[in-house]
């Protein structure tokens, strides 16, 4: 296929922060499982919580990321770990970002943002516009979860707004007769998905698993598009381009 060095932009690999990895040992095990499948760069995106939103909390995340980075490099130096957050959108999110109480992806202008699955499209779009207006570049996390985006006109408008759309590898797996899988695969083939992520959490709950999805991609999607979704788009902010 030619795709090497996959970048995983959505992971919960910082221990003890959310419902993801529980220990540094589990963080390393998740990273090693990902590496065995061709993932060589991972952005840790622990859930943002308004209750723990502070500069001190952000510094704790940076410290934990450094610990995980040092631990995994002792085992496998080929794995690169970066830090960001999965930000649940709320009216004060821009303020939290400006004040350093919430993280962008790898200190770029890009933010991974999620909404309630039942969010009305008007609310989702208003949040995206607010982030753009403040100078950020939103990436909508796991877009397959939002019922409002199953409406063609809403998805088309959101794509046209300039924000990026992230989908989980898991959503491409399974029977092609399943309506949800079929919808996800159609968005990929139509070029609407910019980034793919594992959304890995724990070794016993949503571990990294991209093999089946990559096999489907290889047989149904052009190689250039695969490379864009799995690596090239992410490299723009990891390598401090288009920031």
C-alpha atoms as a PDB file:
ATOM      1  CA  UNK A   1       0.000   0.000   0.000  1.00  0.00           C
ATOM      2  CA  UNK A   2       2.874   2.358   0.669  1.00  0.00           C
ATOM      3  CA  UNK A   3       1.392   4.014   3.751  1.00  0.00           C
ATOM      4  CA  UNK A   4       3.854   3.988   6.648  1.00  0.00           C
ATOM      5  CA  UNK A   5       4.120   6.061   9.767  1.00  0.00           C
ATOM      6  CA  UNK A   6       0.422   6.415  10.601  1.00  0.00           C
ATOM      7  CA  UNK A   7      -0.424   9.368  12.881  1.00  0.00           C
ATOM      8  CA  UNK A   8      -3.191   8.721  15.403  1.00  0.00           C
ATOM      9  CA  UNK A   9      -4.860  12.029  16.247  1.00  0.00           C
ATOM     10  CA  UNK A  10      -7.392  10.855  18.840  1.00  0.00           C
ATOM     11  CA  UNK A  11      -6.255   8.767  21.825  1.00  0.00           C
ATOM     12  CA  UNK A  12      -6.712   8.535  25.575  1.00  0.00           C
ATOM     13  CA  UNK A  13      -3.223   7.448  26.530  1.00  0.00           C
ATOM     14  CA  UNK A  14      -2.403   9.788  29.422  1.00  0.00           C
ATOM     15  CA  UNK A  15      -2.892   7.721  32.595  1.00  0.00           C
ATOM     16  CA  UNK A  16      -5.334   8.508  35.364  1.00  0.00           C
ATOM     17  CA  UNK A  17      -6.958  11.508  33.721  1.00  0.00           C
ATOM     18  CA  UNK A  18     -10.183  10.232  32.179  1.00  0.00           C
ATOM     19  CA  UNK A  19     -11.702   6.882  31.151  1.00  0.00           C
ATOM     20  CA  UNK A  20      -8.567   5.998  29.215  1.00  0.00           C
ATOM     21  CA  UNK A  21      -5.304   4.425  30.354  1.00  0.00           C
ATOM     22  CA  UNK A  22      -5.109   3.786  34.089  1.00  0.00           C
ATOM     23  CA  UNK A  23      -1.345   3.524  34.549  1.00  0.00           C
ATOM     24  CA  UNK A  24       1.825   4.423  32.683  1.00  0.00           C
ATOM     25  CA  UNK A  25       2.313   0.711  32.066  1.00  0.00           C
ATOM     26  CA  UNK A  26      -1.068   0.528  30.349  1.00  0.00           C
ATOM     27  CA  UNK A  27      -0.250   3.661  28.354  1.00  0.00           C
ATOM     28  CA  UNK A  28       2.905   1.965  27.069  1.00  0.00           C
ATOM     29  CA  UNK A  29       1.046  -1.242  26.261  1.00  0.00           C
ATOM     30  CA  UNK A  30      -1.521   0.705  24.205  1.00  0.00           C
ATOM     31  CA  UNK A  31       1.240   2.541  22.362  1.00  0.00           C
ATOM     32  CA  UNK A  32       3.056  -0.705  21.612  1.00  0.00           C
ATOM     33  CA  UNK A  33      -0.140  -2.291  20.280  1.00  0.00           C
ATOM     34  CA  UNK A  34      -0.622   0.749  18.053  1.00  0.00           C
ATOM     35  CA  UNK A  35       3.001   0.633  16.887  1.00  0.00           C
ATOM     36  CA  UNK A  36       2.631  -3.020  15.880  1.00  0.00           C
ATOM     37  CA  UNK A  37      -0.095  -1.885  13.452  1.00  0.00           C
ATOM     38  CA  UNK A  38       1.979   0.845  11.826  1.00  0.00           C
ATOM     39  CA  UNK A  39       1.142   3.814  14.070  1.00  0.00           C
ATOM     40  CA  UNK A  40       4.371   5.668  14.806  1.00  0.00           C
ATOM     41  CA  UNK A  41       3.019   9.001  16.086  1.00  0.00           C
ATOM     42  CA  UNK A  42       0.240   9.475  18.609  1.00  0.00           C
ATOM     43  CA  UNK A  43      -1.488  12.598  19.863  1.00  0.00           C
ATOM     44  CA  UNK A  44      -2.763  12.036  23.393  1.00  0.00           C
ATOM     45  CA  UNK A  45      -6.142  13.767  23.702  1.00  0.00           C
ATOM     46  CA  UNK A  46      -7.502  13.340  27.239  1.00  0.00           C
ATOM     47  CA  UNK A  47     -10.992  14.647  27.815  1.00  0.00           C
ATOM     48  CA  UNK A  48     -11.222  18.275  28.853  1.00  0.00           C
ATOM     49  CA  UNK A  49     -13.264  18.871  31.989  1.00  0.00           C
ATOM     50  CA  UNK A  50     -14.584  22.249  33.053  1.00  0.00           C
ATOM     51  CA  UNK A  51     -14.380  21.076  36.680  1.00  0.00           C
ATOM     52  CA  UNK A  52     -10.608  20.609  36.368  1.00  0.00           C
ATOM     53  CA  UNK A  53      -9.928  23.457  33.973  1.00  0.00           C
ATOM     54  CA  UNK A  54      -6.871  25.324  35.217  1.00  0.00           C
ATOM     55  CA  UNK A  55      -3.341  26.143  34.215  1.00  0.00           C
ATOM     56  CA  UNK A  56      -2.180  23.797  36.964  1.00  0.00           C
ATOM     57  CA  UNK A  57      -4.258  21.017  35.410  1.00  0.00           C
ATOM     58  CA  UNK A  58      -2.685  21.660  32.017  1.00  0.00           C
ATOM     59  CA  UNK A  59       0.799  21.555  33.534  1.00  0.00           C
ATOM     60  CA  UNK A  60      -0.066  18.225  35.132  1.00  0.00           C
ATOM     61  CA  UNK A  61      -1.043  16.905  31.703  1.00  0.00           C
ATOM     62  CA  UNK A  62       2.261  18.073  30.249  1.00  0.00           C
ATOM     63  CA  UNK A  63       4.157  16.415  33.092  1.00  0.00           C
ATOM     64  CA  UNK A  64       2.296  13.117  32.664  1.00  0.00           C
ATOM     65  CA  UNK A  65       2.863  13.226  28.903  1.00  0.00           C
ATOM     66  CA  UNK A  66       6.587  13.629  29.543  1.00  0.00           C
ATOM     67  CA  UNK A  67       6.531  10.613  31.869  1.00  0.00           C
ATOM     68  CA  UNK A  68       4.764   8.464  29.285  1.00  0.00           C
ATOM     69  CA  UNK A  69       7.117   9.711  26.564  1.00  0.00           C
ATOM     70  CA  UNK A  70      10.181   8.781  28.588  1.00  0.00           C
ATOM     71  CA  UNK A  71       8.735   5.392  29.526  1.00  0.00           C
ATOM     72  CA  UNK A  72       7.808   4.390  25.974  1.00  0.00           C
ATOM     73  CA  UNK A  73      11.125   5.593  24.547  1.00  0.00           C
ATOM     74  CA  UNK A  74      12.938   3.220  26.887  1.00  0.00           C
ATOM     75  CA  UNK A  75      10.981   0.386  25.264  1.00  0.00           C
ATOM     76  CA  UNK A  76      10.451   1.602  21.690  1.00  0.00           C
ATOM     77  CA  UNK A  77      12.142   4.863  20.645  1.00  0.00           C
ATOM     78  CA  UNK A  78      10.320   4.835  17.313  1.00  0.00           C
ATOM     79  CA  UNK A  79       7.050   5.985  18.880  1.00  0.00           C
ATOM     80  CA  UNK A  80       6.440   9.746  19.010  1.00  0.00           C
ATOM     81  CA  UNK A  81       3.957  11.115  21.550  1.00  0.00           C
ATOM     82  CA  UNK A  82       2.353  14.552  21.333  1.00  0.00           C
ATOM     83  CA  UNK A  83      -0.199  16.218  23.579  1.00  0.00           C
ATOM     84  CA  UNK A  84      -3.578  17.827  23.041  1.00  0.00           C
ATOM     85  CA  UNK A  85      -7.085  17.450  24.419  1.00  0.00           C
ATOM     86  CA  UNK A  86     -10.500  16.348  23.282  1.00  0.00           C
ATOM     87  CA  UNK A  87     -12.477  19.459  24.109  1.00  0.00           C
ATOM     88  CA  UNK A  88     -16.181  19.251  24.863  1.00  0.00           C
ATOM     89  CA  UNK A  89     -17.659  22.421  23.421  1.00  0.00           C
ATOM     90  CA  UNK A  90     -19.242  24.915  25.783  1.00  0.00           C
ATOM     91  CA  UNK A  91     -19.731  28.670  25.682  1.00  0.00           C
ATOM     92  CA  UNK A  92     -16.565  29.373  27.713  1.00  0.00           C
ATOM     93  CA  UNK A  93     -14.248  27.094  25.710  1.00  0.00           C
ATOM     94  CA  UNK A  94     -12.623  29.914  23.731  1.00  0.00           C
ATOM     95  CA  UNK A  95     -11.883  31.730  26.983  1.00  0.00           C
ATOM     96  CA  UNK A  96     -10.320  28.571  28.450  1.00  0.00           C
ATOM     97  CA  UNK A  97      -8.122  28.165  25.378  1.00  0.00           C
ATOM     98  CA  UNK A  98      -7.014  31.800  25.431  1.00  0.00           C
ATOM     99  CA  UNK A  99      -6.150  31.572  29.135  1.00  0.00           C
ATOM    100  CA  UNK A 100      -4.148  28.364  28.759  1.00  0.00           C
ATOM    101  CA  UNK A 101      -6.653  26.242  30.678  1.00  0.00           C
ATOM    102  CA  UNK A 102      -7.311  24.006  27.670  1.00  0.00           C
ATOM    103  CA  UNK A 103      -4.974  22.553  25.082  1.00  0.00           C
ATOM    104  CA  UNK A 104      -4.789  22.685  21.315  1.00  0.00           C
ATOM    105  CA  UNK A 105      -3.173  19.814  19.406  1.00  0.00           C
ATOM    106  CA  UNK A 106       0.598  19.907  19.870  1.00  0.00           C
ATOM    107  CA  UNK A 107       0.440  23.647  20.675  1.00  0.00           C
ATOM    108  CA  UNK A 108      -0.876  24.424  17.197  1.00  0.00           C
ATOM    109  CA  UNK A 109      -3.985  26.398  16.251  1.00  0.00           C
ATOM    110  CA  UNK A 110      -5.904  23.124  15.709  1.00  0.00           C
ATOM    111  CA  UNK A 111      -8.401  21.947  18.340  1.00  0.00           C
ATOM    112  CA  UNK A 112     -10.121  18.577  18.574  1.00  0.00           C
ATOM    113  CA  UNK A 113     -13.676  19.381  19.627  1.00  0.00           C
ATOM    114  CA  UNK A 114     -16.651  17.200  20.437  1.00  0.00           C
ATOM    115  CA  UNK A 115     -20.330  17.869  21.065  1.00  0.00           C
ATOM    116  CA  UNK A 116     -23.277  15.980  22.521  1.00  0.00           C
ATOM    117  CA  UNK A 117     -24.330  13.315  19.975  1.00  0.00           C
ATOM    118  CA  UNK A 118     -27.846  14.771  20.045  1.00  0.00           C
ATOM    119  CA  UNK A 119     -26.683  18.360  19.412  1.00  0.00           C
ATOM    120  CA  UNK A 120     -28.816  20.357  17.005  1.00  0.00           C
ATOM    121  CA  UNK A 121     -26.922  21.318  13.881  1.00  0.00           C
ATOM    122  CA  UNK A 122     -27.393  25.026  14.602  1.00  0.00           C
ATOM    123  CA  UNK A 123     -25.602  24.628  17.940  1.00  0.00           C
ATOM    124  CA  UNK A 124     -22.761  22.608  16.452  1.00  0.00           C
ATOM    125  CA  UNK A 125     -22.232  25.066  13.616  1.00  0.00           C
ATOM    126  CA  UNK A 126     -22.356  28.043  15.987  1.00  0.00           C
ATOM    127  CA  UNK A 127     -19.614  26.444  18.100  1.00  0.00           C
ATOM    128  CA  UNK A 128     -17.444  25.846  15.058  1.00  0.00           C
ATOM    129  CA  UNK A 129     -17.842  29.443  13.932  1.00  0.00           C
ATOM    130  CA  UNK A 130     -16.953  30.720  17.413  1.00  0.00           C
ATOM    131  CA  UNK A 131     -13.690  28.763  17.357  1.00  0.00           C
ATOM    132  CA  UNK A 132     -12.843  30.039  13.884  1.00  0.00           C
ATOM    133  CA  UNK A 133     -13.593  33.619  14.923  1.00  0.00           C
ATOM    134  CA  UNK A 134     -11.157  33.268  17.832  1.00  0.00           C
ATOM    135  CA  UNK A 135      -8.358  32.131  15.524  1.00  0.00           C
ATOM    136  CA  UNK A 136      -8.569  28.378  16.086  1.00  0.00           C
ATOM    137  CA  UNK A 137      -8.925  25.634  13.490  1.00  0.00           C
ATOM    138  CA  UNK A 138     -11.531  23.136  14.675  1.00  0.00           C
ATOM    139  CA  UNK A 139     -11.420  19.401  14.034  1.00  0.00           C
ATOM    140  CA  UNK A 140     -14.769  17.780  14.796  1.00  0.00           C
ATOM    141  CA  UNK A 141     -14.130  14.523  16.665  1.00  0.00           C
ATOM    142  CA  UNK A 142     -15.789  11.255  15.622  1.00  0.00           C
ATOM    143  CA  UNK A 143     -18.302  12.909  13.294  1.00  0.00           C
ATOM    144  CA  UNK A 144     -20.176   9.639  12.843  1.00  0.00           C
ATOM    145  CA  UNK A 145     -21.765  10.141  16.281  1.00  0.00           C
ATOM    146  CA  UNK A 146     -23.755  13.279  15.426  1.00  0.00           C
ATOM    147  CA  UNK A 147     -27.227  12.557  14.174  1.00  0.00           C
ATOM    148  CA  UNK A 148     -27.576  16.032  12.711  1.00  0.00           C
ATOM    149  CA  UNK A 149     -24.682  15.369  10.312  1.00  0.00           C
ATOM    150  CA  UNK A 150     -26.549  12.482   8.689  1.00  0.00           C
ATOM    151  CA  UNK A 151     -28.465  15.224   6.877  1.00  0.00           C
ATOM    152  CA  UNK A 152     -26.660  15.816   3.613  1.00  0.00           C
ATOM    153  CA  UNK A 153     -27.128  19.576   3.547  1.00  0.00           C
ATOM    154  CA  UNK A 154     -25.742  19.971   7.087  1.00  0.00           C
ATOM    155  CA  UNK A 155     -22.679  17.849   6.398  1.00  0.00           C
ATOM    156  CA  UNK A 156     -22.033  19.703   3.149  1.00  0.00           C
ATOM    157  CA  UNK A 157     -22.234  23.101   4.850  1.00  0.00           C
ATOM    158  CA  UNK A 158     -19.950  22.008   7.686  1.00  0.00           C
ATOM    159  CA  UNK A 159     -17.393  20.643   5.223  1.00  0.00           C
ATOM    160  CA  UNK A 160     -17.557  23.891   3.287  1.00  0.00           C
ATOM    161  CA  UNK A 161     -16.919  25.939   6.428  1.00  0.00           C
ATOM    162  CA  UNK A 162     -13.271  24.903   6.416  1.00  0.00           C
ATOM    163  CA  UNK A 163     -13.243  22.818   9.583  1.00  0.00           C
ATOM    164  CA  UNK A 164     -11.723  19.343   9.507  1.00  0.00           C
ATOM    165  CA  UNK A 165     -13.642  16.143  10.168  1.00  0.00           C
ATOM    166  CA  UNK A 166     -12.242  13.198  12.136  1.00  0.00           C
ATOM    167  CA  UNK A 167     -13.685   9.677  12.035  1.00  0.00           C
ATOM    168  CA  UNK A 168     -12.793   6.631  14.130  1.00  0.00           C
ATOM    169  CA  UNK A 169     -11.223   3.650  12.357  1.00  0.00           C
ATOM    170  CA  UNK A 170     -13.652   1.414  14.228  1.00  0.00           C
ATOM    171  CA  UNK A 171     -16.590   2.943  12.381  1.00  0.00           C
ATOM    172  CA  UNK A 172     -15.264   1.646   9.052  1.00  0.00           C
ATOM    173  CA  UNK A 173     -15.194  -1.936  10.310  1.00  0.00           C
ATOM    174  CA  UNK A 174     -17.929  -4.536  10.085  1.00  0.00           C
ATOM    175  CA  UNK A 175     -20.451  -5.509   7.473  1.00  0.00           C
ATOM    176  CA  UNK A 176     -20.870  -3.230   4.477  1.00  0.00           C
ATOM    177  CA  UNK A 177     -24.599  -3.930   4.719  1.00  0.00           C
ATOM    178  CA  UNK A 178     -24.836  -2.165   8.078  1.00  0.00           C
ATOM    179  CA  UNK A 179     -26.274   1.318   7.403  1.00  0.00           C
ATOM    180  CA  UNK A 180     -23.884   3.044   9.807  1.00  0.00           C
ATOM    181  CA  UNK A 181     -20.804   1.393   8.325  1.00  0.00           C
ATOM    182  CA  UNK A 182     -22.075   2.086   4.819  1.00  0.00           C
ATOM    183  CA  UNK A 183     -22.584   5.783   5.621  1.00  0.00           C
ATOM    184  CA  UNK A 184     -19.086   6.112   7.114  1.00  0.00           C
ATOM    185  CA  UNK A 185     -17.436   4.406   4.183  1.00  0.00           C
ATOM    186  CA  UNK A 186     -19.311   6.630   1.757  1.00  0.00           C
ATOM    187  CA  UNK A 187     -18.030   9.781   3.490  1.00  0.00           C
ATOM    188  CA  UNK A 188     -14.469   8.460   3.242  1.00  0.00           C
ATOM    189  CA  UNK A 189     -14.797   7.596  -0.452  1.00  0.00           C
ATOM    190  CA  UNK A 190     -16.321  11.021  -1.114  1.00  0.00           C
ATOM    191  CA  UNK A 191     -13.269  12.705   0.421  1.00  0.00           C
ATOM    192  CA  UNK A 192     -15.122  14.338   3.301  1.00  0.00           C
ATOM    193  CA  UNK A 193     -13.016  12.814   6.081  1.00  0.00           C
ATOM    194  CA  UNK A 194      -9.721  14.569   6.760  1.00  0.00           C
ATOM    195  CA  UNK A 195      -8.375  12.557   9.697  1.00  0.00           C
ATOM    196  CA  UNK A 196      -8.761   9.085  11.168  1.00  0.00           C
ATOM    197  CA  UNK A 197      -8.152   8.124  14.790  1.00  0.00           C
ATOM    198  CA  UNK A 198      -8.374   5.064  16.994  1.00  0.00           C
ATOM    199  CA  UNK A 199      -9.961   6.802  20.008  1.00  0.00           C
ATOM    200  CA  UNK A 200      -8.079   4.138  22.004  1.00  0.00           C
ATOM    201  CA  UNK A 201      -8.879   4.010  25.708  1.00  0.00           C
ATOM    202  CA  UNK A 202      -7.725   0.891  27.548  1.00  0.00           C
ATOM    203  CA  UNK A 203      -6.305  -2.537  26.836  1.00  0.00           C
ATOM    204  CA  UNK A 204      -9.682  -4.076  27.768  1.00  0.00           C
ATOM    205  CA  UNK A 205     -11.896  -1.334  26.332  1.00  0.00           C
ATOM    206  CA  UNK A 206     -11.440   0.096  22.860  1.00  0.00           C
ATOM    207  CA  UNK A 207      -7.790  -0.887  22.328  1.00  0.00           C
ATOM    208  CA  UNK A 208      -6.137   0.355  19.119  1.00  0.00           C
ATOM    209  CA  UNK A 209      -7.359  -1.704  16.175  1.00  0.00           C
ATOM    210  CA  UNK A 210      -6.909  -0.375  12.655  1.00  0.00           C
ATOM    211  CA  UNK A 211      -6.134  -3.580  10.748  1.00  0.00           C
ATOM    212  CA  UNK A 212      -9.594  -4.270   9.343  1.00  0.00           C
ATOM    213  CA  UNK A 213     -10.235  -0.619   8.516  1.00  0.00           C
ATOM    214  CA  UNK A 214      -6.870  -0.278   6.764  1.00  0.00           C
ATOM    215  CA  UNK A 215      -7.586  -3.414   4.767  1.00  0.00           C
ATOM    216  CA  UNK A 216     -10.883  -1.948   3.567  1.00  0.00           C
ATOM    217  CA  UNK A 217      -9.219   1.391   2.773  1.00  0.00           C
ATOM    218  CA  UNK A 218      -6.499  -0.329   0.762  1.00  0.00           C
ATOM    219  CA  UNK A 219      -9.033  -2.034  -1.483  1.00  0.00           C
ATOM    220  CA  UNK A 220     -11.544   0.802  -1.906  1.00  0.00           C
ATOM    221  CA  UNK A 221      -9.802   4.177  -1.545  1.00  0.00           C
ATOM    222  CA  UNK A 222      -7.015   5.827  -3.528  1.00  0.00           C
ATOM    223  CA  UNK A 223      -3.611   5.695  -1.856  1.00  0.00           C
ATOM    224  CA  UNK A 224      -3.195   9.482  -1.872  1.00  0.00           C
ATOM    225  CA  UNK A 225      -6.425   9.920   0.074  1.00  0.00           C
ATOM    226  CA  UNK A 226      -5.418   7.217   2.555  1.00  0.00           C
ATOM    227  CA  UNK A 227      -2.116   8.965   3.164  1.00  0.00           C
ATOM    228  CA  UNK A 228      -3.871  12.286   3.711  1.00  0.00           C
ATOM    229  CA  UNK A 229      -6.301  10.831   6.285  1.00  0.00           C
ATOM    230  CA  UNK A 230      -3.772   8.689   8.137  1.00  0.00           C
ATOM    231  CA  UNK A 231      -0.719  10.951   8.093  1.00  0.00           C
ATOM    232  CA  UNK A 232      -0.317  13.996   5.884  1.00  0.00           C
ATOM    233  CA  UNK A 233      -3.111  16.146   7.273  1.00  0.00           C
ATOM    234  CA  UNK A 234      -1.880  15.613  10.835  1.00  0.00           C
ATOM    235  CA  UNK A 235       1.713  16.380   9.903  1.00  0.00           C
ATOM    236  CA  UNK A 236       0.690  19.938   9.038  1.00  0.00           C
ATOM    237  CA  UNK A 237       0.224  20.811  12.690  1.00  0.00           C
ATOM    238  CA  UNK A 238       2.716  18.357  14.179  1.00  0.00           C
ATOM    239  CA  UNK A 239       5.451  19.868  12.053  1.00  0.00           C
ATOM    240  CA  UNK A 240       4.211  23.393  12.703  1.00  0.00           C
ATOM    241  CA  UNK A 241       2.922  24.042   9.225  1.00  0.00           C
ATOM    242  CA  UNK A 242      -0.366  25.850   8.511  1.00  0.00           C
ATOM    243  CA  UNK A 243      -0.563  26.972  12.158  1.00  0.00           C
END
